Amino acid sequence: MRKDVVVRRVVHMMIALTPLYYLIPVDVPFIGVERWVLLICFFLTVALFESIRLLKGFSLFGLRPHETRSIASFVWAAAGITLALWLFPHEVATTALVGMALVDPLAGELRSRSKQNLVTIGVPVAVYFAIAATILYWLGDQPPFFLVTVSIIGATSAVGAERFKIPRIDDDFLMIVVPCLMMGLFSI
């Protein structure tokens, strides 16, 4: 595997750590702001960096060729992370973030090794389902039917968001926001 692909996959998997945001106290001591302010600052910092990168025309190691002159996937991921952590219940956001962080690289690897088939779709759905069911079980107190149903909804909507491309919107954003919306709607 190429070194740039390895770097991209590792950075992707580090997104699974973003739910640690919930360990920050709602009222952050010493700086006198609520934690959502830190979240917005995180996104604004990423967006500012990306604006400078695009204006100056430099590339970063690990970017895909089409990202050199357009908004990079890490910015889309930061936007999705920010929306998930800010607007959705922690169970839903954590499920979507960990699921995307682990399943998107897996789906990419499977797709790079074979044509689209049952394995390249079924394995990511099954892995996302397992992640979702585990997280929802540990973080919630819902009945099994609810866990299974929401896990199926999350898995199918996330893998669908990864599979069906929308022009100019990166799947890193969609794989976070679409399952959050779908699982969130069902959870109400």
Protein backbone atom coordinates (compact mmCIF):
# COMPACT_ATOMS: atom_id res chain seq x y z
CA MET A 1 0.00 0.00 0.00
CA ARG A 2 1.29 3.47 -0.87
CA LYS A 3 2.50 5.65 2.00
CA ASP A 4 0.02 8.46 1.22
CA VAL A 5 -2.87 5.99 1.36
CA VAL A 6 -1.64 4.66 4.72
CA VAL A 7 -1.45 8.20 6.09
CA ARG A 8 -4.98 8.94 4.87
CA ARG A 9 -6.34 5.74 6.41
CA VAL A 10 -4.66 6.36 9.78
CA VAL A 11 -5.85 9.97 9.95
CA HIS A 12 -9.32 8.74 9.05
CA MET A 13 -9.32 6.20 11.86
CA MET A 14 -8.24 8.88 14.34
CA ILE A 15 -11.68 10.45 13.85
CA ALA A 16 -12.91 7.64 16.12
CA LEU A 17 -11.36 9.63 18.98
CA THR A 18 -13.49 12.74 18.39
CA PRO A 19 -16.28 11.61 20.76
CA LEU A 20 -13.77 12.29 23.55
CA TYR A 21 -15.16 15.81 23.13
CA TYR A 22 -17.95 14.72 25.47
CA LEU A 23 -15.41 14.37 28.28
CA ILE A 24 -14.82 18.13 28.18
CA PRO A 25 -17.00 19.80 30.81
CA VAL A 26 -19.94 21.72 29.32
CA ASP A 27 -18.61 24.84 31.08
CA VAL A 28 -14.88 24.71 30.37
CA PRO A 29 -12.97 25.77 33.48
CA PHE A 30 -10.25 28.42 33.34
CA ILE A 31 -11.29 29.89 29.98
CA GLY A 32 -14.90 30.64 30.83
CA VAL A 33 -16.62 29.32 27.71
CA GLU A 34 -18.96 26.46 26.97
CA ARG A 35 -17.48 23.50 25.15
CA TRP A 36 -19.44 24.15 21.95
CA VAL A 37 -17.33 27.30 21.53
CA LEU A 38 -14.23 25.08 21.37
CA LEU A 39 -15.97 22.98 18.74
CA ILE A 40 -16.71 26.01 16.57
CA CYS A 41 -13.12 27.24 17.05
CA PHE A 42 -11.89 23.83 15.90
CA PHE A 43 -13.90 24.07 12.68
CA LEU A 44 -12.98 27.70 12.05
CA THR A 45 -9.29 26.83 12.48
CA VAL A 46 -9.56 24.00 9.97
CA ALA A 47 -11.48 26.22 7.54
CA LEU A 48 -8.94 29.04 7.89
CA PHE A 49 -6.05 26.64 7.27
CA GLU A 50 -7.82 25.26 4.20
CA SER A 51 -8.51 28.76 2.89
CA ILE A 52 -4.83 29.64 3.18
CA ARG A 53 -3.83 26.33 1.57
CA LEU A 54 -6.11 26.97 -1.39
CA LEU A 55 -5.08 30.62 -1.76
CA LYS A 56 -1.37 29.80 -1.62
CA GLY A 57 -1.85 26.74 -3.84
CA PHE A 58 0.09 24.22 -1.81
CA SER A 59 -0.73 20.60 -1.31
CA LEU A 60 -0.38 18.34 1.71
CA PHE A 61 0.97 14.84 1.82
CA GLY A 62 -1.92 12.39 1.70
CA LEU A 63 -4.32 14.56 -0.28
CA ARG A 64 -5.89 12.94 -3.29
CA PRO A 65 -5.06 14.52 -6.66
CA HIS A 66 -8.49 16.15 -7.06
CA GLU A 67 -8.16 17.82 -3.65
CA THR A 68 -5.18 19.99 -4.59
CA ARG A 69 -7.46 22.71 -6.02
CA SER A 70 -10.69 22.00 -4.18
CA ILE A 71 -11.88 21.69 -0.60
CA ALA A 72 -10.03 18.73 0.90
CA SER A 73 -11.78 15.82 2.54
CA PHE A 74 -10.38 16.71 5.99
CA VAL A 75 -12.38 19.96 5.86
CA TRP A 76 -15.54 18.08 4.94
CA ALA A 77 -14.83 15.66 7.79
CA ALA A 78 -14.29 18.57 10.21
CA ALA A 79 -17.64 20.05 9.14
CA GLY A 80 -19.36 16.70 9.72
CA ILE A 81 -17.63 16.21 13.07
CA THR A 82 -18.67 19.69 14.19
CA LEU A 83 -22.31 19.20 13.18
CA ALA A 84 -22.51 15.74 14.74
CA LEU A 85 -21.01 16.73 18.08
CA TRP A 86 -22.93 19.99 18.28
CA LEU A 87 -26.41 19.06 17.04
CA PHE A 88 -27.04 15.38 17.72
CA PRO A 89 -27.44 13.27 20.87
CA HIS A 90 -24.12 11.83 22.02
CA GLU A 91 -25.17 8.25 21.26
CA VAL A 92 -26.02 9.11 17.66
CA ALA A 93 -22.96 11.31 17.10
CA THR A 94 -20.57 8.78 18.63
CA THR A 95 -22.03 5.98 16.53
CA ALA A 96 -21.75 7.99 13.30
CA LEU A 97 -18.22 9.24 14.04
CA VAL A 98 -16.71 5.91 15.06
CA GLY A 99 -18.59 4.13 12.28
CA MET A 100 -17.33 6.54 9.62
CA ALA A 101 -13.79 6.54 10.99
CA LEU A 102 -13.49 2.77 10.73
CA VAL A 103 -15.85 1.79 7.92
CA ASP A 104 -14.91 4.37 5.28
CA PRO A 105 -11.26 3.22 5.12
CA LEU A 106 -12.42 -0.41 5.11
CA ALA A 107 -14.84 0.27 2.24
CA GLY A 108 -12.10 2.05 0.33
CA GLU A 109 -9.69 -0.84 0.76
CA LEU A 110 -12.27 -3.42 -0.27
CA ARG A 111 -13.23 -1.38 -3.32
CA SER A 112 -9.57 -0.96 -4.34
CA ARG A 113 -9.09 -4.73 -4.30
CA SER A 114 -12.18 -5.92 -6.14
CA LYS A 115 -15.17 -4.87 -8.18
CA GLN A 116 -18.38 -3.79 -6.51
CA ASN A 117 -20.04 -6.92 -5.22
CA LEU A 118 -21.70 -8.34 -2.14
CA VAL A 119 -18.42 -8.27 -0.18
CA THR A 120 -17.58 -4.63 -0.95
CA ILE A 121 -21.04 -3.58 0.22
CA GLY A 122 -22.00 -6.27 2.73
CA VAL A 123 -18.83 -6.23 4.82
CA PRO A 124 -18.92 -2.46 5.45
CA VAL A 125 -22.62 -2.65 6.33
CA ALA A 126 -21.99 -5.55 8.72
CA VAL A 127 -19.01 -3.84 10.38
CA TYR A 128 -20.90 -0.56 10.76
CA PHE A 129 -23.88 -2.46 12.19
CA ALA A 130 -21.60 -4.15 14.76
CA ILE A 131 -20.03 -0.82 15.72
CA ALA A 132 -23.42 0.90 15.98
CA ALA A 133 -25.03 -1.88 18.01
CA THR A 134 -22.09 -1.95 20.42
CA ILE A 135 -21.98 1.82 20.94
CA LEU A 136 -25.74 2.17 21.26
CA TYR A 137 -25.81 -0.71 23.75
CA TRP A 138 -23.07 0.80 25.93
CA LEU A 139 -24.27 4.41 25.79
CA GLY A 140 -28.01 3.92 25.90
CA ASP A 141 -30.70 2.00 27.67
CA GLN A 142 -32.95 1.16 24.76
CA PRO A 143 -34.63 -2.21 24.12
CA PRO A 144 -32.96 -4.68 21.72
CA PHE A 145 -35.45 -4.03 18.90
CA PHE A 146 -34.54 -0.33 19.00
CA LEU A 147 -30.79 -1.06 19.01
CA VAL A 148 -31.05 -3.40 16.05
CA THR A 149 -33.33 -1.09 14.07
CA VAL A 150 -31.24 2.04 14.64
CA SER A 151 -28.05 0.08 13.90
CA ILE A 152 -29.49 -1.13 10.59
CA ILE A 153 -30.60 2.41 9.73
CA GLY A 154 -27.17 3.80 10.61
CA ALA A 155 -25.27 1.10 8.71
CA THR A 156 -27.31 1.27 5.52
CA SER A 157 -27.45 5.06 5.42
CA ALA A 158 -23.70 5.43 6.10
CA VAL A 159 -22.62 2.89 3.49
CA GLY A 160 -25.16 4.32 1.06
CA ALA A 161 -23.72 7.80 1.66
CA GLU A 162 -20.24 6.42 0.98
CA ARG A 163 -21.33 4.60 -2.17
CA PHE A 164 -23.54 7.10 -3.94
CA LYS A 165 -21.45 10.15 -4.72
CA ILE A 166 -22.89 13.65 -4.67
CA PRO A 167 -20.85 16.07 -6.78
CA ARG A 168 -18.74 18.53 -4.73
CA ILE A 169 -19.69 16.99 -1.36
CA ASP A 170 -17.16 14.57 0.08
CA ASP A 171 -18.29 11.25 1.52
CA ASP A 172 -16.41 12.03 4.76
CA PHE A 173 -19.11 14.63 5.47
CA LEU A 174 -21.97 12.52 4.19
CA MET A 175 -20.94 9.39 6.13
CA ILE A 176 -21.25 11.40 9.34
CA VAL A 177 -24.25 13.64 8.70
CA VAL A 178 -26.57 11.27 6.80
CA PRO A 179 -26.52 8.51 9.48
CA CYS A 180 -26.84 11.17 12.22
CA LEU A 181 -29.95 12.51 10.52
CA MET A 182 -31.42 9.06 9.89
CA MET A 183 -30.65 7.62 13.33
CA GLY A 184 -31.68 10.91 14.95
CA LEU A 185 -35.03 10.92 13.19
CA PHE A 186 -35.72 7.37 14.27
CA SER A 187 -34.58 8.07 17.84
CA ILE A 188 -37.07 10.89 18.43
